[in-house]
Amino acid sequence: MQFLEKLIDTPSPSGFEQPVQAVFEEYVSPFVDEIRRDVHGNVMAIKNPDASFRLMLCAHCDEVGMMVISYDEDGFLHLMMIGDVGGGRPPMDPNMLPGQRVNIHTRKGPIPGVIGRKPGHMSREGDTVKVEELTIDIGAKDKKDAKRAVEVGDPVTFAVGLQELRNNNAAGRAFDDKAGVYAIAEAMRLVGDACSKDVAVYAVSTVQEEIGIRGAVTSAYTVEPHVAIAVDQIWATDCVGMSKHKFGEVLLGRGPVIFRGPNMNSALFGLLMKAARKRKIPYQVSGWPIATGTDINPIQLSRGGVVTGLLMMPNRYSHTPVEVNSLDDMDSTAKLFAAFMKDLDPKTDFTP
């Protein structure tokens, strides 16, 4: 739990992941034989690095956030969002931004601020929020005072941490996908020396997923995995505004979701289910008929092709400061990864 809290509390907007990568590296180091960090910022924790058969487990450590773009004469800071979900859509709903407390991560340390908006007395039904009209108030006297404290390009995150809820659930920002980083690191602890010495296991905390799945591209090219499994977050459909008929039945606390579809190898899907059933690890199944938009999308197409699988953890209120995850789901995901590592035979034929 302490490791997860530290992951959630440590800022990691895309392009600024170094602090959270240090948290991952510190935790996982005792359980692996080698740590590698590449020029892109990906961190690889490796068991049995000399084995010729390579399994890659990956989760992205970056989170959506904001960036300081300019100042106005009164000392207020203008911002833009960090992240890209495609189709011209913003990574976060602008309507949730006003009234949020934030931290601006400067070279000298975090600076607190708030995102302001006109008083509610003056708002009208149907008013919409435009990001370019929002400002961060750090209490500066004027533009000169603001520039002394904050630089253009400084990243901004919500000033919230992990909050435990009932039934072993928790709320916080950036469970997408620090919960996945937790799961791959914990899996390396759980498996110990039980995985085959003929399998090199790379647990990779990837960068810049939220701005185009970039770290998965570079790390897969380096690792050259034969098999790769990504873990990420998927929208839970047991909460307000979500349709089970449109997105499938994805329930919080019922275990990780094993995905089927063209982005996932069918034989690997079967092995993941077999490992879960053998250990009585709870799991769910969901279909995704197109490319998933997760780290496995480019990994599947790396070099001559990779056998890929996908686990997703149910997430309520994605890309908000109050994402809700099940702590039980996180632990079940780590257990499933460890079970798969123990069972994996390098001689398995994954050819469709």
Protein backbone atom coordinates (compact mmCIF):
# COMPACT_ATOMS: atom_id res chain seq x y z
CA MET A 1 0.00 0.00 0.00
CA GLN A 2 2.85 2.38 0.81
CA PHE A 3 4.35 1.79 -2.65
CA LEU A 4 1.01 2.50 -4.34
CA GLU A 5 0.50 5.68 -2.32
CA LYS A 6 3.95 6.88 -3.33
CA LEU A 7 3.21 6.17 -7.00
CA ILE A 8 -0.07 8.10 -6.87
CA ASP A 9 1.43 11.03 -4.95
CA THR A 10 4.40 11.41 -7.32
CA PRO A 11 3.65 13.61 -10.36
CA SER A 12 4.27 12.16 -13.83
CA PRO A 13 2.67 14.14 -16.67
CA SER A 14 3.77 12.86 -20.08
CA GLY A 15 7.33 14.00 -20.67
CA PHE A 16 7.98 14.53 -16.95
CA GLU A 17 7.99 10.94 -15.66
CA GLN A 18 11.43 10.80 -14.04
CA PRO A 19 10.25 11.18 -10.40
CA VAL A 20 7.73 8.33 -10.60
CA GLN A 21 10.20 6.13 -12.49
CA ALA A 22 12.56 6.51 -9.53
CA VAL A 23 9.76 5.24 -7.24
CA PHE A 24 9.21 2.20 -9.47
CA GLU A 25 12.94 1.47 -9.69
CA GLU A 26 13.46 1.73 -5.93
CA TYR A 27 10.64 -0.71 -5.17
CA VAL A 28 11.33 -3.36 -7.79
CA SER A 29 15.15 -3.42 -7.62
CA PRO A 30 15.41 -6.06 -4.84
CA PHE A 31 13.32 -8.53 -6.86
CA VAL A 32 15.15 -8.42 -10.20
CA ASP A 33 18.63 -9.05 -11.56
CA GLU A 34 19.08 -5.84 -13.51
CA ILE A 35 17.57 -2.39 -14.06
CA ARG A 36 17.91 -0.53 -17.35
CA ARG A 37 16.74 2.99 -18.18
CA ASP A 38 16.75 4.12 -21.81
CA VAL A 39 17.19 7.56 -23.34
CA HIS A 40 13.41 7.88 -23.76
CA GLY A 41 12.85 7.40 -20.01
CA ASN A 42 11.43 3.85 -20.01
CA VAL A 43 12.60 1.76 -17.04
CA MET A 44 13.08 -2.00 -17.47
CA ALA A 45 13.29 -4.31 -14.46
CA ILE A 46 14.71 -7.64 -15.65
CA LYS A 47 14.82 -11.20 -14.35
CA ASN A 48 17.12 -13.70 -16.09
CA PRO A 49 18.50 -11.15 -18.58
CA ASP A 50 20.66 -13.76 -20.37
CA ALA A 51 17.74 -16.05 -21.33
CA SER A 52 16.99 -16.10 -25.05
CA PHE A 53 13.17 -16.16 -24.73
CA ARG A 54 11.83 -12.75 -23.65
CA LEU A 55 8.54 -11.92 -21.93
CA MET A 56 7.63 -8.24 -21.59
CA LEU A 57 5.12 -6.97 -19.03
CA CYS A 58 4.36 -3.29 -19.40
CA ALA A 59 2.32 -0.45 -17.94
CA HIS A 60 2.59 3.26 -18.63
CA CYS A 61 3.57 5.51 -15.77
CA ASP A 62 2.59 8.86 -17.30
CA GLU A 63 -0.61 10.70 -16.44
CA VAL A 64 -2.72 13.37 -18.10
CA GLY A 65 -2.03 16.84 -16.80
CA MET A 66 -1.55 20.44 -17.81
CA MET A 67 1.28 22.80 -18.71
CA VAL A 68 1.89 26.50 -18.10
CA ILE A 69 1.84 28.31 -21.45
CA SER A 70 1.84 32.04 -20.64
CA TYR A 71 1.22 34.74 -18.03
CA ASP A 72 -1.14 37.70 -18.05
CA GLU A 73 -0.35 41.13 -16.65
CA ASP A 74 -2.14 40.41 -13.37
CA GLY A 75 0.01 37.34 -12.67
CA PHE A 76 -2.47 34.64 -13.66
CA LEU A 77 -1.13 31.62 -15.55
CA HIS A 78 -2.66 30.28 -18.75
CA LEU A 79 -2.53 26.56 -19.43
CA MET A 80 -2.95 23.79 -21.96
CA MET A 81 -3.71 20.11 -21.38
CA ILE A 82 -1.07 17.39 -21.68
CA GLY A 83 -2.44 14.28 -23.32
CA ASP A 84 -4.16 13.10 -26.48
CA VAL A 85 -7.06 10.67 -26.77
CA GLY A 86 -7.39 11.12 -30.53
CA GLY A 87 -10.15 12.45 -32.72
CA GLY A 88 -9.57 16.02 -31.59
CA ARG A 89 -10.99 15.24 -28.14
CA PRO A 90 -9.30 16.70 -25.04
CA PRO A 91 -7.78 14.22 -22.58
CA MET A 92 -9.89 15.70 -19.76
CA ASP A 93 -13.34 17.25 -19.61
CA PRO A 94 -12.72 21.02 -19.36
CA ASN A 95 -15.90 21.42 -17.29
CA MET A 96 -14.30 19.68 -14.30
CA LEU A 97 -11.23 21.95 -14.17
CA PRO A 98 -12.59 25.12 -12.50
CA GLY A 99 -12.28 25.05 -8.74
CA GLN A 100 -9.53 22.44 -8.69
CA ARG A 101 -6.45 22.76 -6.51
CA VAL A 102 -3.25 22.10 -8.44
CA ASN A 103 0.50 21.85 -8.04
CA ILE A 104 2.87 23.44 -10.54
CA HIS A 105 6.08 21.41 -10.66
CA THR A 106 8.96 23.85 -11.01
CA ARG A 107 12.71 23.33 -10.95
CA LYS A 108 12.74 24.53 -7.33
CA GLY A 109 9.80 22.41 -6.18
CA PRO A 110 5.99 22.42 -6.30
CA ILE A 111 4.04 25.69 -6.26
CA PRO A 112 0.39 25.44 -5.14
CA GLY A 113 -2.38 27.11 -7.10
CA VAL A 114 -6.04 26.98 -7.98
CA ILE A 115 -7.90 27.00 -11.29
CA GLY A 116 -10.38 29.86 -11.06
CA ARG A 117 -13.66 30.71 -12.71
CA LYS A 118 -16.18 33.51 -12.44
CA PRO A 119 -18.44 33.31 -9.37
CA GLY A 120 -21.42 31.01 -9.53
CA HIS A 121 -23.71 34.03 -9.06
CA MET A 122 -22.72 35.15 -12.55
CA SER A 123 -22.89 31.82 -14.35
CA ARG A 124 -25.79 30.77 -16.50
CA GLU A 125 -27.23 27.34 -17.31
CA GLY A 126 -25.53 25.98 -20.40
CA ASP A 127 -22.28 27.91 -19.89
CA THR A 128 -19.38 25.89 -21.29
CA VAL A 129 -15.77 25.91 -20.19
CA LYS A 130 -12.98 26.57 -22.67
CA VAL A 131 -9.49 25.66 -21.54
CA GLU A 132 -7.98 28.76 -23.15
CA GLU A 133 -10.18 30.92 -20.91
CA LEU A 134 -9.06 29.26 -17.66
CA THR A 135 -6.21 30.53 -15.51
CA ILE A 136 -4.22 29.29 -12.52
CA ASP A 137 -4.04 31.63 -9.54
CA ILE A 138 -0.87 31.21 -7.47
CA GLY A 139 -1.46 34.41 -5.52
CA ALA A 140 1.04 36.39 -7.59
CA LYS A 141 1.00 40.20 -7.38
CA ASP A 142 1.58 40.64 -11.10
CA LYS A 143 3.25 39.12 -14.17
CA LYS A 144 6.76 39.83 -12.86
CA ASP A 145 6.00 38.09 -9.56
CA ALA A 146 4.50 35.08 -11.36
CA LYS A 147 7.55 34.73 -13.63
CA ARG A 148 9.84 34.65 -10.58
CA ALA A 149 8.01 31.55 -9.33
CA VAL A 150 6.94 29.66 -12.46
CA GLU A 151 8.45 29.04 -15.89
CA VAL A 152 6.67 28.49 -19.18
CA GLY A 153 6.55 24.72 -19.77
CA ASP A 154 6.23 23.77 -16.10
CA PRO A 155 3.84 20.79 -15.74
CA VAL A 156 0.71 20.96 -13.60
CA THR A 157 -1.15 18.19 -11.78
CA PHE A 158 -4.16 18.04 -9.49
CA ALA A 159 -3.24 18.45 -5.83
CA VAL A 160 -4.87 15.23 -4.64
CA GLY A 161 -3.51 11.94 -3.35
CA LEU A 162 -4.85 8.49 -2.62
CA GLN A 163 -8.02 8.25 -0.52
CA GLU A 164 -9.25 4.87 0.73
CA LEU A 165 -12.97 4.17 0.31
CA ARG A 166 -15.28 1.42 1.49
CA ASN A 167 -14.91 -2.23 0.41
CA ASN A 168 -11.18 -1.93 -0.32
CA ASN A 169 -11.68 0.65 -3.06
CA ALA A 170 -9.65 3.84 -3.40
CA ALA A 171 -9.88 7.19 -5.17
CA GLY A 172 -7.15 9.39 -6.56
CA ARG A 173 -5.66 10.86 -9.69
CA ALA A 174 -3.59 8.81 -12.15
CA PHE A 175 -4.66 5.27 -11.33
CA ASP A 176 -4.48 5.33 -15.13
CA ASP A 177 -2.01 3.73 -15.23
CA LYS A 178 0.01 3.81 -12.02
CA ALA A 179 -2.18 0.94 -10.84
CA GLY A 180 -0.66 -1.04 -13.71
CA VAL A 181 2.87 -0.02 -12.73
CA TYR A 182 2.06 -1.25 -9.22
CA ALA A 183 0.83 -4.58 -10.62
CA ILE A 184 3.91 -5.36 -12.73
CA ALA A 185 6.29 -4.42 -9.91
CA GLU A 186 4.33 -6.46 -7.37
CA ALA A 187 4.27 -9.42 -9.79
CA MET A 188 8.07 -9.41 -9.87
CA ARG A 189 8.05 -9.61 -6.07
CA LEU A 190 5.44 -12.35 -5.97
CA VAL A 191 7.04 -14.63 -8.56
CA GLY A 192 10.43 -14.64 -6.82
CA ASP A 193 12.60 -17.36 -8.33
CA ALA A 194 9.65 -19.45 -9.49
CA CYS A 195 9.73 -18.40 -13.14
CA SER A 196 11.74 -20.50 -15.58
CA LYS A 197 15.41 -19.63 -15.94
CA ASP A 198 14.82 -20.04 -19.67
CA VAL A 199 12.57 -16.96 -19.71
CA ALA A 200 13.87 -13.41 -19.47
CA VAL A 201 11.15 -11.26 -17.91
CA TYR A 202 11.15 -7.52 -18.58
CA ALA A 203 8.79 -5.48 -16.40
CA VAL A 204 8.72 -2.16 -18.22
CA SER A 205 7.31 1.09 -16.88
CA THR A 206 6.71 2.95 -20.14
CA VAL A 207 6.52 6.69 -20.77
CA GLN A 208 4.42 9.03 -22.90
CA GLU A 209 1.47 6.71 -23.51
CA GLU A 210 -0.98 9.56 -23.04
CA ILE A 211 0.50 11.53 -25.95
CA GLY A 212 0.59 8.75 -28.52
CA ILE A 213 1.78 5.42 -27.01
CA ARG A 214 5.40 6.46 -27.53
CA GLY A 215 7.35 4.64 -24.81
CA ALA A 216 5.90 1.28 -25.84
CA VAL A 217 7.30 1.76 -29.33
CA THR A 218 10.85 2.44 -28.22
CA SER A 219 11.00 -0.08 -25.36
CA ALA A 220 9.59 -2.92 -27.50
CA TYR A 221 12.17 -2.20 -30.17
CA THR A 222 14.89 -2.53 -27.51
CA VAL A 223 13.54 -5.58 -25.67
CA GLU A 224 12.53 -7.54 -28.80
CA PRO A 225 9.96 -9.58 -26.82
CA HIS A 226 8.55 -12.86 -28.05
CA VAL A 227 5.50 -12.38 -25.81
CA ALA A 228 4.23 -9.11 -24.33
CA ILE A 229 1.32 -8.36 -22.00
CA ALA A 230 0.23 -4.83 -21.25
CA VAL A 231 -1.88 -3.76 -18.31
CA ASP A 232 -3.94 -0.58 -18.38
CA GLN A 233 -7.26 0.84 -17.22
CA ILE A 234 -10.69 0.36 -18.77
CA TRP A 235 -13.92 2.22 -18.07
CA ALA A 236 -15.98 0.47 -15.42
CA THR A 237 -19.62 0.24 -16.49
CA ASP A 238 -21.08 -0.06 -13.00
CA CYS A 239 -21.28 3.70 -12.48
CA VAL A 240 -23.28 6.70 -13.68
CA GLY A 241 -23.38 7.43 -17.40
CA MET A 242 -21.84 4.15 -18.57
CA SER A 243 -23.65 1.57 -20.73
CA LYS A 244 -23.00 -2.14 -20.26
CA HIS A 245 -24.57 -2.78 -23.66
CA LYS A 246 -22.18 -0.37 -25.40
CA PHE A 247 -18.96 -1.09 -23.50
CA GLY A 248 -19.58 -4.53 -21.98
CA GLU A 249 -20.02 -5.53 -18.36
CA VAL A 250 -16.92 -4.32 -16.52
CA LEU A 251 -17.37 -4.35 -12.76
CA LEU A 252 -15.18 -2.93 -10.02
CA GLY A 253 -13.79 -5.56 -7.64
CA ARG A 254 -14.38 -8.56 -9.92
CA GLY A 255 -10.76 -8.91 -11.03
CA PRO A 256 -8.76 -7.81 -14.07
CA VAL A 257 -10.38 -7.91 -17.49
CA ILE A 258 -8.72 -10.26 -20.01
CA PHE A 259 -9.33 -8.88 -23.47
CA ARG A 260 -10.10 -10.67 -26.73
CA GLY A 261 -9.83 -9.23 -30.22
CA PRO A 262 -7.45 -8.65 -33.15
CA ASN A 263 -4.88 -6.90 -30.95
CA MET A 264 -4.60 -10.00 -28.71
CA ASN A 265 -3.18 -13.44 -29.50
CA SER A 266 -5.86 -16.12 -29.00
CA ALA A 267 -3.48 -18.74 -27.57
CA LEU A 268 -2.12 -16.24 -25.06
CA PHE A 269 -5.68 -15.31 -24.09
CA GLY A 270 -6.32 -18.97 -23.30
CA LEU A 271 -3.17 -19.31 -21.20
CA LEU A 272 -4.08 -16.25 -19.13
CA MET A 273 -7.52 -17.70 -18.41
CA LYS A 274 -5.99 -21.08 -17.57
CA ALA A 275 -3.52 -19.48 -15.12
CA ALA A 276 -6.35 -17.55 -13.44
CA ARG A 277 -8.60 -20.59 -13.11
CA LYS A 278 -5.78 -22.78 -11.80
CA ARG A 279 -5.14 -20.35 -8.89
CA LYS A 280 -8.78 -19.26 -8.51
CA ILE A 281 -7.85 -15.66 -9.33
CA PRO A 282 -11.00 -13.67 -10.21
CA TYR A 283 -11.12 -12.28 -13.74
CA GLN A 284 -13.50 -10.84 -16.31
CA VAL A 285 -13.56 -11.14 -20.10
CA SER A 286 -14.27 -8.39 -22.59
CA GLY A 287 -14.04 -7.97 -26.35
CA TRP A 288 -12.35 -5.17 -28.27
CA PRO A 289 -12.91 -5.47 -32.03
CA ILE A 290 -10.34 -2.83 -33.12
CA ALA A 291 -6.84 -1.69 -32.16
CA THR A 292 -6.97 -1.02 -28.43
CA GLY A 293 -5.13 2.28 -28.09
CA THR A 294 -2.94 0.75 -25.37
CA ASP A 295 0.76 -0.11 -25.24
CA ILE A 296 0.18 -3.47 -26.95
CA ASN A 297 -1.01 -1.81 -30.16
CA PRO A 298 2.50 -0.80 -31.35
CA ILE A 299 4.17 -3.71 -29.54
CA GLN A 300 2.16 -6.23 -31.58
CA LEU A 301 3.56 -4.63 -34.75
CA SER A 302 7.15 -4.28 -33.54
CA ARG A 303 9.84 -5.74 -35.80
CA GLY A 304 8.51 -9.06 -37.17
CA GLY A 305 5.50 -9.13 -34.88
CA VAL A 306 4.97 -9.99 -31.21
CA VAL A 307 2.52 -12.30 -29.40
CA THR A 308 0.45 -9.84 -27.36
CA GLY A 309 -2.10 -9.94 -24.56
CA LEU A 310 -3.97 -7.31 -22.58
CA LEU A 311 -5.19 -7.06 -19.00
CA MET A 312 -7.26 -4.05 -17.98
CA MET A 313 -8.35 -2.94 -14.51
CA PRO A 314 -11.83 -1.41 -14.09
CA ASN A 315 -11.61 2.35 -13.51
CA ARG A 316 -14.44 4.68 -12.58
CA TYR A 317 -14.25 8.36 -13.62
CA SER A 318 -11.20 8.03 -15.88
CA HIS A 319 -9.01 11.11 -16.40
CA THR A 320 -10.46 12.98 -13.43
CA PRO A 321 -8.92 13.79 -10.02
CA VAL A 322 -11.19 11.14 -8.45
CA GLU A 323 -10.53 7.96 -10.44
CA VAL A 324 -11.75 4.98 -8.42
CA ASN A 325 -10.06 1.58 -8.50
CA SER A 326 -10.37 -1.61 -6.50
CA LEU A 327 -7.26 -2.48 -4.50
CA ASP A 328 -8.36 -6.12 -4.79
CA ASP A 329 -8.28 -5.85 -8.59
CA MET A 330 -4.72 -4.54 -8.46
CA ASP A 331 -3.57 -7.44 -6.31
CA SER A 332 -5.42 -9.96 -8.49
CA THR A 333 -3.69 -8.53 -11.55
CA ALA A 334 -0.28 -8.90 -9.92
CA LYS A 335 -1.11 -12.48 -8.91
CA LEU A 336 -2.22 -13.34 -12.44
CA PHE A 337 1.01 -11.98 -13.91
CA ALA A 338 3.04 -14.00 -11.39
CA ALA A 339 1.03 -17.15 -12.15
CA PHE A 340 1.52 -16.70 -15.90
CA MET A 341 5.28 -16.26 -15.42
CA LYS A 342 5.46 -19.49 -13.43
CA ASP A 343 3.55 -21.44 -16.09
CA LEU A 344 5.10 -19.99 -19.26
CA ASP A 345 6.92 -22.54 -21.39
CA PRO A 346 9.25 -20.99 -23.98
CA LYS A 347 8.42 -23.88 -26.33
CA THR A 348 4.73 -22.89 -26.55
CA ASP A 349 3.46 -22.46 -30.09
CA PHE A 350 1.51 -19.21 -30.30
CA THR A 351 0.97 -19.36 -34.07
CA PRO A 352 -2.71 -18.67 -34.88
